[in-house]
N, C-alpha and C. Protein backbone atom coordinates (compact mmCIF):
# COMPACT_ATOMS: atom_id res chain seq x y z
N MET A 1 101.71 115.00 83.71
CA MET A 1 100.71 113.94 83.70
C MET A 1 100.69 113.18 82.38
N ILE A 2 101.00 113.84 81.27
CA ILE A 2 100.88 113.15 79.99
C ILE A 2 102.09 112.26 79.68
N GLY A 3 103.13 112.37 80.46
CA GLY A 3 104.28 111.49 80.28
C GLY A 3 105.29 111.98 79.25
N ARG A 4 106.48 111.44 79.35
CA ARG A 4 107.59 111.89 78.51
C ARG A 4 107.35 111.62 77.03
N ARG A 5 106.75 110.47 76.72
CA ARG A 5 106.59 110.11 75.31
C ARG A 5 105.66 111.08 74.59
N ARG A 6 104.55 111.44 75.25
CA ARG A 6 103.63 112.38 74.61
C ARG A 6 104.22 113.80 74.56
N LEU A 7 105.00 114.16 75.57
CA LEU A 7 105.69 115.46 75.51
C LEU A 7 106.72 115.48 74.39
N ASP A 8 107.49 114.43 74.26
CA ASP A 8 108.48 114.36 73.17
C ASP A 8 107.78 114.47 71.82
N HIS A 9 106.66 113.77 71.68
CA HIS A 9 105.93 113.83 70.41
C HIS A 9 105.39 115.23 70.15
N LEU A 10 104.90 115.88 71.20
CA LEU A 10 104.39 117.24 71.03
C LEU A 10 105.51 118.17 70.54
N GLN A 11 106.70 118.00 71.06
CA GLN A 11 107.84 118.79 70.59
C GLN A 11 108.12 118.52 69.12
N VAL A 12 108.05 117.27 68.71
CA VAL A 12 108.31 116.91 67.31
C VAL A 12 107.32 117.57 66.37
N VAL A 13 106.02 117.55 66.72
CA VAL A 13 105.04 118.14 65.80
C VAL A 13 105.16 119.66 65.77
N ILE A 14 105.46 120.27 66.90
CA ILE A 14 105.65 121.73 66.91
C ILE A 14 106.87 122.10 66.06
N GLU A 15 107.95 121.38 66.25
CA GLU A 15 109.15 121.65 65.45
C GLU A 15 108.87 121.46 63.96
N ASP A 16 108.06 120.46 63.63
CA ASP A 16 107.75 120.22 62.22
C ASP A 16 106.99 121.40 61.62
N VAL A 17 105.98 121.91 62.32
CA VAL A 17 105.22 123.03 61.75
C VAL A 17 106.06 124.30 61.69
N LEU A 18 107.02 124.44 62.62
CA LEU A 18 107.92 125.59 62.56
C LEU A 18 108.87 125.47 61.37
N HIS A 19 109.47 124.30 61.19
CA HIS A 19 110.45 124.11 60.12
C HIS A 19 109.82 124.15 58.73
N THR A 20 108.57 123.70 58.63
CA THR A 20 107.91 123.67 57.32
C THR A 20 106.99 124.87 57.12
N ASP A 21 107.00 125.78 58.09
CA ASP A 21 106.25 127.03 58.01
C ASP A 21 104.75 126.81 57.79
N VAL A 22 104.20 125.87 58.53
CA VAL A 22 102.75 125.66 58.50
C VAL A 22 102.10 126.79 59.31
N ARG A 23 101.14 127.44 58.70
CA ARG A 23 100.52 128.60 59.31
C ARG A 23 99.60 128.20 60.46
N GLY A 24 99.61 129.00 61.53
CA GLY A 24 98.62 128.81 62.58
C GLY A 24 99.18 128.76 63.98
N ASP A 25 98.27 129.02 64.92
CA ASP A 25 98.58 129.00 66.33
C ASP A 25 98.53 127.58 66.87
N LEU A 26 98.78 127.46 68.17
CA LEU A 26 98.71 126.17 68.87
C LEU A 26 97.61 126.27 69.92
N LEU A 27 96.84 125.20 70.09
CA LEU A 27 95.76 125.23 71.06
C LEU A 27 95.68 123.91 71.80
N GLU A 28 95.47 124.01 73.11
CA GLU A 28 95.17 122.83 73.91
C GLU A 28 93.76 122.98 74.47
N ALA A 29 92.91 122.01 74.19
CA ALA A 29 91.54 121.99 74.69
C ALA A 29 91.47 120.99 75.83
N GLY A 30 91.48 121.51 77.05
CA GLY A 30 91.54 120.69 78.25
C GLY A 30 92.96 120.70 78.78
N THR A 31 93.24 121.63 79.69
CA THR A 31 94.65 121.87 80.05
C THR A 31 95.02 121.44 81.45
N TRP A 32 94.05 121.21 82.33
CA TRP A 32 94.27 120.86 83.72
C TRP A 32 95.17 121.90 84.39
N ARG A 33 96.40 121.54 84.75
CA ARG A 33 97.29 122.51 85.40
C ARG A 33 98.14 123.31 84.42
N GLY A 34 98.00 122.99 83.12
CA GLY A 34 98.68 123.79 82.10
C GLY A 34 99.96 123.22 81.54
N GLY A 35 100.36 122.04 81.99
CA GLY A 35 101.67 121.51 81.63
C GLY A 35 101.96 121.45 80.14
N ALA A 36 101.08 120.85 79.35
CA ALA A 36 101.34 120.71 77.92
C ALA A 36 101.30 122.06 77.22
N ALA A 37 100.39 122.94 77.65
CA ALA A 37 100.31 124.27 77.04
C ALA A 37 101.56 125.09 77.38
N ILE A 38 102.05 124.96 78.59
CA ILE A 38 103.30 125.63 78.98
C ILE A 38 104.44 125.11 78.11
N PHE A 39 104.46 123.81 77.89
CA PHE A 39 105.49 123.20 77.04
C PHE A 39 105.40 123.73 75.61
N MET A 40 104.17 123.87 75.10
CA MET A 40 103.99 124.45 73.76
C MET A 40 104.63 125.83 73.69
N ARG A 41 104.33 126.65 74.69
CA ARG A 41 104.89 128.02 74.71
C ARG A 41 106.41 127.97 74.83
N ALA A 42 106.92 127.02 75.59
CA ALA A 42 108.37 126.90 75.77
C ALA A 42 109.06 126.54 74.45
N VAL A 43 108.46 125.65 73.66
CA VAL A 43 109.07 125.30 72.38
C VAL A 43 109.09 126.51 71.45
N LEU A 44 108.00 127.26 71.42
CA LEU A 44 108.00 128.48 70.60
C LEU A 44 109.10 129.44 71.06
N ALA A 45 109.24 129.58 72.37
CA ALA A 45 110.28 130.47 72.91
C ALA A 45 111.67 129.98 72.55
N ALA A 46 111.88 128.68 72.61
CA ALA A 46 113.20 128.11 72.30
C ALA A 46 113.60 128.39 70.85
N TYR A 47 112.61 128.46 69.96
CA TYR A 47 112.88 128.73 68.55
C TYR A 47 112.71 130.20 68.19
N GLY A 48 112.44 131.03 69.18
CA GLY A 48 112.33 132.46 68.91
C GLY A 48 111.12 132.84 68.08
N ASP A 49 110.08 132.01 68.11
CA ASP A 49 108.87 132.31 67.33
C ASP A 49 108.02 133.34 68.08
N ARG A 50 107.85 134.50 67.48
CA ARG A 50 107.07 135.58 68.10
C ARG A 50 105.75 135.80 67.37
N GLN A 51 105.42 134.97 66.39
CA GLN A 51 104.21 135.17 65.59
C GLN A 51 103.02 134.35 66.08
N ARG A 52 103.30 133.17 66.60
CA ARG A 52 102.21 132.25 66.95
C ARG A 52 101.77 132.45 68.40
N SER A 53 100.49 132.20 68.61
CA SER A 53 99.94 132.23 69.95
C SER A 53 99.70 130.81 70.45
N VAL A 54 99.65 130.67 71.76
CA VAL A 54 99.22 129.44 72.41
C VAL A 54 97.89 129.73 73.09
N TRP A 55 96.85 128.99 72.69
CA TRP A 55 95.52 129.14 73.26
C TRP A 55 95.29 128.04 74.28
N VAL A 56 94.80 128.45 75.45
CA VAL A 56 94.59 127.53 76.57
C VAL A 56 93.09 127.50 76.86
N ALA A 57 92.43 126.43 76.40
CA ALA A 57 90.98 126.32 76.54
C ALA A 57 90.64 125.32 77.64
N ASP A 58 89.84 125.77 78.58
CA ASP A 58 89.44 124.91 79.68
C ASP A 58 88.28 125.59 80.41
N SER A 59 87.47 124.78 81.08
CA SER A 59 86.42 125.38 81.92
C SER A 59 87.03 125.99 83.18
N PHE A 60 88.17 125.46 83.60
CA PHE A 60 88.84 125.81 84.85
C PHE A 60 87.94 125.54 86.05
N GLN A 61 86.97 124.64 85.85
CA GLN A 61 86.10 124.21 86.95
C GLN A 61 85.76 122.72 86.84
N GLY A 62 86.64 121.98 86.17
CA GLY A 62 86.41 120.56 86.02
C GLY A 62 85.69 120.23 84.74
N LEU A 63 85.16 119.01 84.66
CA LEU A 63 84.45 118.58 83.45
C LEU A 63 82.95 118.75 83.61
N PRO A 64 82.25 118.91 82.49
CA PRO A 64 80.79 119.12 82.58
C PRO A 64 80.06 117.84 82.96
N ARG A 65 78.86 118.02 83.45
CA ARG A 65 78.00 116.85 83.67
C ARG A 65 77.71 116.21 82.32
N PRO A 66 77.57 114.90 82.29
CA PRO A 66 77.28 114.23 81.01
C PRO A 66 75.91 114.65 80.47
N ASP A 67 75.80 114.60 79.15
CA ASP A 67 74.55 114.93 78.47
C ASP A 67 74.16 113.75 77.58
N PRO A 68 73.66 112.66 78.21
CA PRO A 68 73.39 111.45 77.42
C PRO A 68 72.27 111.60 76.40
N GLU A 69 71.41 112.61 76.56
CA GLU A 69 70.38 112.82 75.54
C GLU A 69 71.01 113.30 74.24
N ARG A 70 71.96 114.19 74.35
CA ARG A 70 72.65 114.70 73.17
C ARG A 70 73.75 113.75 72.72
N TYR A 71 74.48 113.21 73.69
CA TYR A 71 75.60 112.31 73.41
C TYR A 71 75.40 111.01 74.18
N PRO A 72 74.73 110.02 73.58
CA PRO A 72 74.46 108.76 74.29
C PRO A 72 75.72 108.09 74.85
N ALA A 73 76.87 108.30 74.23
CA ALA A 73 78.11 107.69 74.71
C ALA A 73 78.51 108.21 76.09
N GLU A 74 77.89 109.30 76.54
CA GLU A 74 78.23 109.86 77.85
C GLU A 74 77.40 109.26 78.99
N LYS A 75 76.50 108.37 78.68
CA LYS A 75 75.68 107.77 79.73
C LYS A 75 76.57 107.13 80.78
N GLY A 76 76.38 107.54 82.02
CA GLY A 76 77.16 107.00 83.13
C GLY A 76 78.53 107.60 83.30
N ASP A 77 78.91 108.57 82.46
CA ASP A 77 80.23 109.21 82.59
C ASP A 77 80.34 109.90 83.94
N ARG A 78 81.45 109.67 84.61
CA ARG A 78 81.62 110.21 85.97
C ARG A 78 82.77 111.22 86.08
N HIS A 79 83.29 111.69 84.96
CA HIS A 79 84.40 112.64 85.03
C HIS A 79 84.05 113.89 85.83
N TRP A 80 82.80 114.31 85.76
CA TRP A 80 82.41 115.58 86.39
C TRP A 80 82.52 115.55 87.92
N ILE A 81 82.57 114.35 88.52
CA ILE A 81 82.62 114.29 89.99
C ILE A 81 84.05 114.43 90.53
N PHE A 82 85.05 114.36 89.65
CA PHE A 82 86.43 114.40 90.12
C PHE A 82 86.88 115.85 90.33
N THR A 83 86.83 116.29 91.57
CA THR A 83 87.13 117.69 91.88
C THR A 83 88.60 118.03 91.64
N ASN A 84 89.49 117.03 91.64
CA ASN A 84 90.90 117.32 91.40
C ASN A 84 91.16 117.77 89.96
N LEU A 85 90.18 117.58 89.06
CA LEU A 85 90.33 118.03 87.68
C LEU A 85 89.96 119.51 87.52
N ALA A 86 89.44 120.12 88.58
CA ALA A 86 89.07 121.54 88.55
C ALA A 86 90.24 122.37 89.07
N VAL A 87 90.97 122.98 88.15
CA VAL A 87 92.11 123.83 88.53
C VAL A 87 91.78 125.26 88.11
N PRO A 88 91.73 126.20 89.05
CA PRO A 88 91.36 127.58 88.72
C PRO A 88 92.33 128.21 87.73
N ILE A 89 91.80 129.12 86.92
CA ILE A 89 92.63 129.79 85.91
C ILE A 89 93.79 130.52 86.55
N GLU A 90 93.61 131.05 87.75
CA GLU A 90 94.69 131.77 88.42
C GLU A 90 95.88 130.85 88.69
N GLU A 91 95.59 129.60 89.05
CA GLU A 91 96.67 128.65 89.30
C GLU A 91 97.41 128.30 88.01
N VAL A 92 96.66 128.14 86.92
CA VAL A 92 97.30 127.84 85.64
C VAL A 92 98.16 129.02 85.19
N ARG A 93 97.67 130.23 85.38
CA ARG A 93 98.46 131.41 85.03
C ARG A 93 99.75 131.45 85.86
N GLN A 94 99.65 131.13 87.14
CA GLN A 94 100.83 131.10 88.00
C GLN A 94 101.83 130.05 87.53
N ASN A 95 101.32 128.92 87.02
CA ASN A 95 102.22 127.89 86.52
C ASN A 95 102.98 128.38 85.29
N PHE A 96 102.31 129.12 84.40
CA PHE A 96 103.02 129.75 83.28
C PHE A 96 104.07 130.73 83.79
N GLU A 97 103.70 131.53 84.77
CA GLU A 97 104.63 132.54 85.32
C GLU A 97 105.85 131.89 85.95
N ARG A 98 105.67 130.74 86.55
CA ARG A 98 106.77 130.04 87.20
C ARG A 98 107.90 129.76 86.22
N TYR A 99 107.56 129.58 84.95
CA TYR A 99 108.56 129.32 83.90
C TYR A 99 108.85 130.57 83.08
N ASP A 100 108.34 131.71 83.53
CA ASP A 100 108.51 132.98 82.83
C ASP A 100 107.98 132.89 81.39
N LEU A 101 106.82 132.24 81.24
CA LEU A 101 106.25 132.03 79.91
C LEU A 101 104.84 132.61 79.77
N LEU A 102 104.42 133.41 80.72
CA LEU A 102 103.11 134.06 80.60
C LEU A 102 103.33 135.43 79.96
N ASP A 103 102.97 135.54 78.68
CA ASP A 103 103.17 136.79 77.96
C ASP A 103 102.03 137.00 76.97
N GLU A 104 102.22 137.95 76.06
CA GLU A 104 101.16 138.32 75.11
C GLU A 104 100.88 137.24 74.09
N GLN A 105 101.70 136.19 74.04
CA GLN A 105 101.45 135.09 73.11
C GLN A 105 100.57 134.00 73.71
N VAL A 106 100.20 134.14 74.97
CA VAL A 106 99.37 133.16 75.64
C VAL A 106 97.97 133.75 75.85
N HIS A 107 96.96 133.01 75.39
CA HIS A 107 95.57 133.47 75.49
C HIS A 107 94.72 132.38 76.13
N PHE A 108 93.91 132.77 77.09
CA PHE A 108 93.05 131.83 77.80
C PHE A 108 91.63 131.91 77.27
N LEU A 109 90.99 130.74 77.14
CA LEU A 109 89.60 130.64 76.71
C LEU A 109 88.83 129.91 77.80
N PRO A 110 88.42 130.63 78.86
CA PRO A 110 87.72 129.98 79.96
C PRO A 110 86.25 129.72 79.64
N GLY A 111 85.77 128.55 80.03
CA GLY A 111 84.37 128.21 79.84
C GLY A 111 84.21 126.84 79.22
N TRP A 112 82.96 126.39 79.15
CA TRP A 112 82.67 125.10 78.52
C TRP A 112 82.95 125.20 77.03
N PHE A 113 83.50 124.16 76.46
CA PHE A 113 83.87 124.18 75.03
C PHE A 113 82.68 124.52 74.14
N ARG A 114 81.50 124.04 74.50
CA ARG A 114 80.31 124.30 73.68
C ARG A 114 79.98 125.79 73.61
N ASP A 115 80.47 126.56 74.61
CA ASP A 115 80.18 128.00 74.67
C ASP A 115 81.30 128.87 74.14
N THR A 116 82.52 128.33 74.10
CA THR A 116 83.68 129.19 73.80
C THR A 116 84.36 128.92 72.47
N LEU A 117 84.52 127.66 72.10
CA LEU A 117 85.41 127.34 70.99
C LEU A 117 84.90 127.81 69.64
N HIS A 118 83.61 127.72 69.41
CA HIS A 118 83.07 128.10 68.09
C HIS A 118 83.18 129.60 67.82
N LYS A 119 83.33 130.39 68.88
CA LYS A 119 83.43 131.85 68.68
C LYS A 119 84.80 132.40 69.08
N ALA A 120 85.75 131.51 69.33
CA ALA A 120 87.10 131.97 69.68
C ALA A 120 87.72 132.71 68.50
N PRO A 121 88.43 133.80 68.75
CA PRO A 121 89.00 134.61 67.66
C PRO A 121 90.29 134.02 67.11
N ILE A 122 90.19 132.81 66.61
CA ILE A 122 91.34 132.08 66.09
C ILE A 122 91.17 131.96 64.58
N GLU A 123 92.19 132.37 63.84
CA GLU A 123 92.12 132.27 62.38
C GLU A 123 92.57 130.91 61.89
N ARG A 124 93.77 130.49 62.29
CA ARG A 124 94.33 129.22 61.83
C ARG A 124 95.03 128.54 62.99
N LEU A 125 95.10 127.21 62.92
CA LEU A 125 95.85 126.42 63.89
C LEU A 125 96.83 125.51 63.16
N SER A 126 98.01 125.37 63.73
CA SER A 126 98.97 124.41 63.19
C SER A 126 99.02 123.16 64.07
N VAL A 127 98.70 123.31 65.35
CA VAL A 127 98.64 122.17 66.27
C VAL A 127 97.38 122.31 67.11
N LEU A 128 96.54 121.28 67.07
CA LEU A 128 95.34 121.22 67.89
C LEU A 128 95.47 120.00 68.79
N ARG A 129 95.57 120.25 70.10
CA ARG A 129 95.72 119.15 71.06
C ARG A 129 94.45 119.02 71.88
N LEU A 130 93.86 117.83 71.85
CA LEU A 130 92.61 117.56 72.56
C LEU A 130 92.88 116.72 73.80
N ASP A 131 92.39 117.22 74.94
CA ASP A 131 92.51 116.48 76.20
C ASP A 131 91.25 116.73 77.03
N GLY A 132 90.10 116.49 76.38
CA GLY A 132 88.82 116.79 77.03
C GLY A 132 88.12 115.58 77.61
N ASP A 133 88.70 114.40 77.47
CA ASP A 133 88.20 113.16 78.06
C ASP A 133 86.85 112.69 77.53
N MET A 134 85.84 113.53 77.58
CA MET A 134 84.46 113.10 77.32
C MET A 134 84.10 113.15 75.83
N TYR A 135 83.03 112.45 75.47
CA TYR A 135 82.55 112.46 74.09
C TYR A 135 82.21 113.88 73.64
N GLY A 136 81.39 114.57 74.44
CA GLY A 136 80.95 115.90 74.05
C GLY A 136 82.09 116.88 73.94
N SER A 137 82.98 116.88 74.91
CA SER A 137 84.12 117.80 74.89
C SER A 137 85.00 117.56 73.66
N THR A 138 85.20 116.29 73.33
CA THR A 138 86.01 115.94 72.16
C THR A 138 85.31 116.35 70.87
N MET A 139 84.04 116.00 70.75
CA MET A 139 83.29 116.32 69.55
C MET A 139 83.14 117.84 69.36
N GLU A 140 82.85 118.55 70.44
CA GLU A 140 82.69 120.01 70.35
C GLU A 140 83.99 120.68 69.91
N THR A 141 85.11 120.17 70.37
CA THR A 141 86.40 120.73 69.97
C THR A 141 86.63 120.50 68.48
N LEU A 142 86.42 119.28 68.04
CA LEU A 142 86.64 118.97 66.62
C LEU A 142 85.67 119.73 65.72
N GLU A 143 84.41 119.79 66.10
CA GLU A 143 83.43 120.49 65.27
C GLU A 143 83.72 121.99 65.19
N SER A 144 84.24 122.56 66.27
CA SER A 144 84.51 124.00 66.30
C SER A 144 85.82 124.38 65.63
N LEU A 145 86.82 123.50 65.71
CA LEU A 145 88.18 123.93 65.35
C LEU A 145 88.85 123.15 64.23
N TYR A 146 88.35 121.98 63.88
CA TYR A 146 89.08 121.19 62.88
C TYR A 146 89.26 121.92 61.57
N GLN A 147 88.24 122.66 61.15
CA GLN A 147 88.33 123.35 59.86
C GLN A 147 89.38 124.46 59.89
N LYS A 148 89.84 124.83 61.08
CA LYS A 148 90.88 125.86 61.19
C LYS A 148 92.28 125.28 61.20
N VAL A 149 92.41 123.95 61.25
CA VAL A 149 93.74 123.33 61.21
C VAL A 149 94.27 123.40 59.78
N SER A 150 95.44 123.99 59.63
CA SER A 150 96.05 124.15 58.31
C SER A 150 96.46 122.80 57.74
N VAL A 151 96.48 122.72 56.42
CA VAL A 151 97.09 121.56 55.77
C VAL A 151 98.57 121.52 56.20
N GLY A 152 99.00 120.37 56.64
CA GLY A 152 100.35 120.24 57.19
C GLY A 152 100.36 120.34 58.70
N GLY A 153 99.24 120.75 59.28
CA GLY A 153 99.12 120.84 60.73
C GLY A 153 98.72 119.51 61.35
N TYR A 154 98.68 119.49 62.67
CA TYR A 154 98.46 118.24 63.40
C TYR A 154 97.27 118.32 64.35
N VAL A 155 96.59 117.18 64.47
CA VAL A 155 95.58 116.96 65.50
C VAL A 155 96.12 115.87 66.42
N VAL A 156 96.22 116.19 67.70
CA VAL A 156 96.77 115.28 68.69
C VAL A 156 95.68 115.02 69.73
N VAL A 157 95.39 113.74 69.98
CA VAL A 157 94.33 113.37 70.91
C VAL A 157 94.93 112.59 72.07
N ASP A 158 94.78 113.12 73.26
CA ASP A 158 95.42 112.54 74.44
C ASP A 158 94.73 111.28 74.94
N ASP A 159 93.40 111.24 74.88
CA ASP A 159 92.63 110.21 75.60
C ASP A 159 92.10 109.08 74.72
N TYR A 160 92.53 108.98 73.48
CA TYR A 160 91.93 108.05 72.54
C TYR A 160 91.97 106.60 73.04
N GLY A 161 93.08 106.19 73.57
CA GLY A 161 93.20 104.81 74.04
C GLY A 161 92.65 104.57 75.42
N ALA A 162 92.58 105.62 76.23
CA ALA A 162 92.20 105.46 77.64
C ALA A 162 90.71 105.64 77.89
N VAL A 163 90.04 106.43 77.07
CA VAL A 163 88.63 106.77 77.33
C VAL A 163 87.79 106.37 76.13
N PRO A 164 86.99 105.31 76.26
CA PRO A 164 86.20 104.84 75.11
C PRO A 164 85.31 105.92 74.50
N ALA A 165 84.75 106.81 75.32
CA ALA A 165 83.88 107.86 74.77
C ALA A 165 84.66 108.84 73.91
N CYS A 166 85.90 109.13 74.30
CA CYS A 166 86.75 109.99 73.48
C CYS A 166 87.04 109.30 72.15
N ARG A 167 87.38 108.04 72.20
CA ARG A 167 87.65 107.28 70.98
C ARG A 167 86.43 107.30 70.06
N ALA A 168 85.24 107.11 70.63
CA ALA A 168 84.02 107.10 69.84
C ALA A 168 83.80 108.45 69.17
N ALA A 169 84.05 109.54 69.89
CA ALA A 169 83.86 110.87 69.32
C ALA A 169 84.81 111.11 68.16
N VAL A 170 86.07 110.75 68.32
CA VAL A 170 87.05 110.93 67.25
C VAL A 170 86.66 110.09 66.03
N ASP A 171 86.31 108.84 66.27
CA ASP A 171 85.94 107.96 65.16
C ASP A 171 84.68 108.46 64.46
N ASP A 172 83.70 108.92 65.23
CA ASP A 172 82.46 109.43 64.64
C ASP A 172 82.72 110.69 63.83
N PHE A 173 83.55 111.58 64.34
CA PHE A 173 83.85 112.82 63.62
C PHE A 173 84.59 112.52 62.33
N ARG A 174 85.58 111.66 62.40
CA ARG A 174 86.35 111.34 61.19
C ARG A 174 85.47 110.68 60.14
N ALA A 175 84.55 109.83 60.58
CA ALA A 175 83.65 109.17 59.63
C ALA A 175 82.68 110.18 59.03
N ALA A 176 82.13 111.07 59.86
CA ALA A 176 81.14 112.04 59.38
C ALA A 176 81.72 113.01 58.36
N TYR A 177 83.01 113.34 58.52
CA TYR A 177 83.65 114.31 57.63
C TYR A 177 84.62 113.65 56.65
N SER A 178 84.53 112.35 56.52
CA SER A 178 85.34 111.59 55.54
C SER A 178 86.83 111.92 55.67
N ILE A 179 87.30 111.94 56.90
CA ILE A 179 88.72 112.20 57.15
C ILE A 179 89.47 110.87 57.01
N THR A 180 90.35 110.81 56.06
CA THR A 180 91.04 109.55 55.76
C THR A 180 92.52 109.56 56.11
N GLU A 181 93.03 110.69 56.60
CA GLU A 181 94.43 110.72 57.01
C GLU A 181 94.69 109.62 58.05
N ARG A 182 95.82 108.96 57.92
CA ARG A 182 96.13 107.83 58.80
C ARG A 182 96.36 108.32 60.23
N MET A 183 95.65 107.69 61.17
CA MET A 183 95.84 108.01 62.57
C MET A 183 96.94 107.11 63.12
N GLU A 184 97.89 107.71 63.82
CA GLU A 184 99.05 106.97 64.33
C GLU A 184 99.10 107.03 65.85
N GLU A 185 99.62 105.97 66.45
CA GLU A 185 99.77 105.92 67.90
C GLU A 185 101.00 106.69 68.35
N ILE A 186 100.86 107.35 69.49
CA ILE A 186 102.00 107.97 70.17
C ILE A 186 102.47 107.04 71.28
N ASP A 187 101.51 106.60 72.08
CA ASP A 187 101.77 105.63 73.14
C ASP A 187 100.47 104.86 73.36
N TRP A 188 100.26 104.32 74.53
CA TRP A 188 99.10 103.46 74.78
C TRP A 188 97.77 104.20 74.68
N THR A 189 97.77 105.52 74.79
CA THR A 189 96.51 106.26 74.73
C THR A 189 96.53 107.39 73.71
N GLY A 190 97.66 108.04 73.50
CA GLY A 190 97.73 109.18 72.60
C GLY A 190 97.80 108.77 71.14
N VAL A 191 97.09 109.52 70.30
CA VAL A 191 97.14 109.32 68.84
C VAL A 191 97.23 110.69 68.17
N PHE A 192 97.56 110.66 66.88
CA PHE A 192 97.61 111.91 66.13
C PHE A 192 97.41 111.62 64.65
N TRP A 193 97.07 112.66 63.91
CA TRP A 193 97.14 112.60 62.46
C TRP A 193 97.56 113.97 61.94
N LYS A 194 98.18 113.93 60.77
CA LYS A 194 98.61 115.15 60.10
C LYS A 194 97.60 115.46 59.00
N ARG A 195 97.12 116.69 58.98
CA ARG A 195 96.13 117.06 57.97
C ARG A 195 96.82 117.25 56.63
N VAL A 196 96.36 116.52 55.63
CA VAL A 196 96.99 116.61 54.31
C VAL A 196 96.04 117.17 53.26
N ARG A 197 94.78 117.40 53.61
CA ARG A 197 93.85 117.97 52.64
C ARG A 197 92.75 118.74 53.37
């Protein structure tokens, strides 16, 4: 679903953290059927990396109802009604198994991001990939995990160009925490930045 260009870019950033020995695991927040997370695990396997984990965070029941009182940018958000975005964890696990990539390096974090990410047993991240669509999902991921991204690591945002609420959350978070690293385009919707401080 994310297209060849974003997959190619994901490979580039993973290879960079491997070659430069940036400490930390890889995490995708919002995985749908698991494609990008499976690809993350495949790149680690291709390079023989046995130290890093791939974390797969998702509700596995679709997107949450909007909370416009807490996040005004979510007013009128309709992502929660799309039942095709609800893929059970068992199906995602089967998709990993189909490529023989479901092993002890893959960890699932089922539940709403607001309930799971802040207490996830993750020490460091070298790649943080956000695909949560909504303002709250994006903000909750950044607030919970950004401080765990190593210097030299990457933050990759799938929906920045496609979903105005996602863009607003990223911009608000970067402004609130004085993040000045240059954000670069991957394609018409994907963006990324490399953490340098």
